[in-house]
N, C-alpha and C. Protein backbone atom coordinates (compact mmCIF):
# COMPACT_ATOMS: atom_id res chain seq x y z
N MET A 1 9.58 6.92 14.61
CA MET A 1 8.10 7.04 14.53
C MET A 1 7.49 5.72 14.01
N SER A 2 6.68 5.07 14.75
CA SER A 2 5.99 3.80 14.20
C SER A 2 4.79 4.09 13.73
N VAL A 3 4.47 3.10 12.76
CA VAL A 3 3.12 3.30 12.05
C VAL A 3 2.26 2.27 12.70
N THR A 4 0.91 2.53 12.94
CA THR A 4 -0.04 1.86 13.35
C THR A 4 -1.44 1.87 12.69
N GLY A 5 -2.07 0.79 12.75
CA GLY A 5 -3.57 0.96 12.04
C GLY A 5 -3.51 0.08 10.77
N LEU A 6 -4.50 0.14 10.08
CA LEU A 6 -4.57 -0.54 8.99
C LEU A 6 -4.17 0.39 7.76
N CYS A 7 -3.94 -0.42 6.71
CA CYS A 7 -3.11 0.24 5.29
C CYS A 7 -4.51 1.17 4.71
N GLN A 8 -4.04 2.36 4.28
CA GLN A 8 -4.99 3.36 4.01
C GLN A 8 -5.51 3.13 2.55
N VAL A 9 -4.91 2.04 1.95
CA VAL A 9 -5.13 1.77 0.64
C VAL A 9 -6.10 0.57 0.65
N CYS A 10 -5.92 -0.50 1.04
CA CYS A 10 -6.66 -1.79 1.29
C CYS A 10 -7.50 -2.05 2.17
N GLU A 11 -7.23 -1.05 3.42
CA GLU A 11 -7.72 -1.21 4.65
C GLU A 11 -8.22 -2.57 5.44
N SER A 12 -7.25 -3.58 4.87
CA SER A 12 -7.16 -4.73 5.31
C SER A 12 -6.18 -5.51 6.16
N ARG A 13 -4.81 -4.89 5.60
CA ARG A 13 -3.65 -5.27 6.32
C ARG A 13 -3.04 -4.24 7.17
N GLU A 14 -2.20 -4.52 7.94
CA GLU A 14 -1.61 -3.61 9.04
C GLU A 14 -0.66 -2.77 8.28
N ALA A 15 -0.79 -1.59 8.43
CA ALA A 15 0.32 -0.53 7.72
C ALA A 15 1.45 -0.52 8.48
N GLU A 16 2.72 -0.51 7.59
CA GLU A 16 4.07 -0.57 8.10
C GLU A 16 5.00 0.30 7.76
N TYR A 17 4.47 1.14 6.82
CA TYR A 17 5.23 2.27 6.18
C TYR A 17 4.43 3.59 5.93
N THR A 18 5.12 4.58 5.71
CA THR A 18 4.48 5.91 5.68
C THR A 18 4.99 6.38 4.31
N CYS A 19 4.25 6.77 3.61
CA CYS A 19 4.32 7.33 2.22
C CYS A 19 5.05 8.85 2.41
N HIS A 20 6.23 8.99 1.82
CA HIS A 20 7.06 10.14 1.80
C HIS A 20 6.48 11.40 1.10
N GLN A 21 5.41 11.07 0.27
CA GLN A 21 4.83 12.11 -0.44
C GLN A 21 3.52 12.69 0.11
N CYS A 22 2.64 11.56 0.60
CA CYS A 22 1.23 12.19 0.99
C CYS A 22 0.98 11.75 2.36
N GLY A 23 1.98 11.08 2.96
CA GLY A 23 1.88 10.64 4.58
C GLY A 23 1.04 9.74 4.73
N ALA A 24 0.33 8.89 3.84
CA ALA A 24 -0.46 7.73 4.00
C ALA A 24 0.24 6.65 4.72
N ALA A 25 -0.47 6.03 5.72
CA ALA A 25 0.29 4.71 6.26
C ALA A 25 -0.41 3.57 5.73
N VAL A 26 0.69 2.89 5.07
CA VAL A 26 0.33 1.83 4.12
C VAL A 26 1.15 0.39 4.48
N CYS A 27 0.50 -0.69 3.81
CA CYS A 27 1.00 -1.96 4.17
C CYS A 27 2.21 -2.23 2.98
N PRO A 28 3.10 -3.34 3.28
CA PRO A 28 4.07 -3.68 2.28
C PRO A 28 3.54 -3.97 0.91
N VAL A 29 2.54 -4.14 0.84
CA VAL A 29 1.92 -4.65 -0.58
C VAL A 29 1.80 -3.15 -1.60
N HIS A 30 1.27 -2.17 -0.76
CA HIS A 30 0.81 -0.77 -1.37
C HIS A 30 2.02 0.01 -1.32
N PHE A 31 3.26 -0.37 -0.87
CA PHE A 31 4.33 0.60 -0.65
C PHE A 31 5.59 0.39 -1.77
N GLU A 32 6.10 1.24 -2.44
CA GLU A 32 7.07 0.95 -3.43
C GLU A 32 8.27 1.50 -2.69
N GLN A 33 8.98 0.50 -1.94
CA GLN A 33 10.20 0.88 -1.19
C GLN A 33 11.23 1.53 -1.79
N ASP A 34 11.59 1.21 -3.08
CA ASP A 34 12.72 1.90 -3.85
C ASP A 34 12.52 3.43 -3.94
N ARG A 35 11.01 3.89 -4.18
CA ARG A 35 10.76 5.21 -4.39
C ARG A 35 10.45 5.69 -3.00
N GLY A 36 9.97 5.13 -2.02
CA GLY A 36 9.47 5.60 -0.68
C GLY A 36 8.02 5.96 -0.79
N VAL A 37 7.15 5.51 -1.74
CA VAL A 37 5.85 6.24 -1.74
C VAL A 37 4.80 5.10 -1.85
N CYS A 38 3.80 5.32 -1.74
CA CYS A 38 2.42 4.67 -1.73
C CYS A 38 2.20 4.20 -3.18
N VAL A 39 1.29 3.24 -3.59
CA VAL A 39 0.93 3.04 -4.92
C VAL A 39 0.25 4.15 -5.58
N HIS A 40 -0.50 4.88 -4.92
CA HIS A 40 -1.36 6.21 -5.25
C HIS A 40 -0.43 7.12 -5.91
N CYS A 41 0.85 7.50 -5.12
CA CYS A 41 1.80 8.47 -5.47
C CYS A 41 2.54 8.14 -6.69
N ALA A 42 2.84 6.64 -6.53
CA ALA A 42 3.81 6.31 -7.69
C ALA A 42 2.92 6.12 -8.79
N ASP A 43 1.68 6.04 -8.87
CA ASP A 43 0.90 6.21 -10.12
C ASP A 43 -0.23 7.06 -10.22
N PRO A 44 0.00 8.34 -10.22
CA PRO A 44 -0.99 9.56 -9.80
C PRO A 44 -1.88 9.57 -10.80
N ASP A 45 -1.96 8.84 -12.02
CA ASP A 45 -2.77 8.71 -12.90
C ASP A 45 -3.69 7.67 -12.95
N GLY A 46 -3.45 6.79 -11.95
CA GLY A 46 -4.67 5.65 -11.53
C GLY A 46 -4.40 4.59 -12.89
N THR A 47 -3.44 4.43 -13.75
CA THR A 47 -3.47 3.19 -14.40
C THR A 47 -3.15 1.87 -14.09
N GLU A 48 -2.53 1.77 -12.74
CA GLU A 48 -2.17 0.47 -12.29
C GLU A 48 -3.36 -0.06 -11.41
N ASP A 49 -3.43 -1.29 -11.38
CA ASP A 49 -4.39 -1.89 -10.47
C ASP A 49 -3.91 -2.05 -9.10
N VAL A 50 -4.16 -1.03 -8.12
CA VAL A 50 -3.45 -1.09 -7.04
C VAL A 50 -4.04 -2.19 -5.91
N PHE A 51 -5.18 -2.87 -6.27
CA PHE A 51 -5.67 -4.04 -5.61
C PHE A 51 -5.29 -5.35 -6.02
N ALA A 52 -4.60 -5.34 -7.01
CA ALA A 52 -3.97 -6.70 -7.46
C ALA A 52 -3.31 -7.40 -6.51
N GLN A 53 -3.37 -8.80 -6.29
CA GLN A 53 -2.77 -9.45 -5.32
C GLN A 53 -1.27 -9.94 -5.87
N PRO A 54 -0.35 -9.79 -5.12
CA PRO A 54 1.05 -10.13 -5.54
C PRO A 54 1.17 -11.69 -5.60
N ALA A 55 2.29 -12.06 -6.43
CA ALA A 55 2.35 -13.57 -6.43
C ALA A 55 2.57 -14.08 -4.92
N GLY A 56 2.00 -15.19 -4.61
CA GLY A 56 2.37 -15.90 -3.21
C GLY A 56 1.62 -14.97 -2.15
N ASP A 57 1.03 -14.11 -2.26
CA ASP A 57 0.13 -13.43 -1.20
C ASP A 57 -0.93 -14.29 -0.48
N ASP A 58 -0.70 -14.59 0.73
CA ASP A 58 -1.77 -15.33 1.35
C ASP A 58 -2.76 -14.71 1.95
N VAL A 59 -3.14 -13.72 1.46
CA VAL A 59 -4.38 -13.00 1.85
C VAL A 59 -5.67 -13.45 1.00
N PRO A 60 -6.80 -13.77 1.48
CA PRO A 60 -7.81 -14.10 0.63
C PRO A 60 -8.33 -13.04 -0.19
N GLU A 61 -8.84 -13.47 -1.37
CA GLU A 61 -9.35 -12.33 -2.43
C GLU A 61 -10.56 -11.80 -1.79
N PHE A 62 -10.89 -10.55 -2.20
CA PHE A 62 -11.94 -9.83 -1.85
C PHE A 62 -13.22 -10.32 -2.60
N ARG A 63 -14.29 -10.39 -2.08
CA ARG A 63 -15.64 -10.97 -2.67
C ARG A 63 -16.48 -9.93 -2.71
């Protein structure tokens, strides 16, 4: 099954993965491959900044 559309977290990058817990389509930045879940399921208490840009990311900052 292929994933198409925008990431359901950032809504700006192309989704490439599906969260194994909630089913959300997410981009590589918002998917934890080792656990197979999106950043929201990985951190259900919301203590992480899910919109933080990883080092070397070439996507412009949101303003």
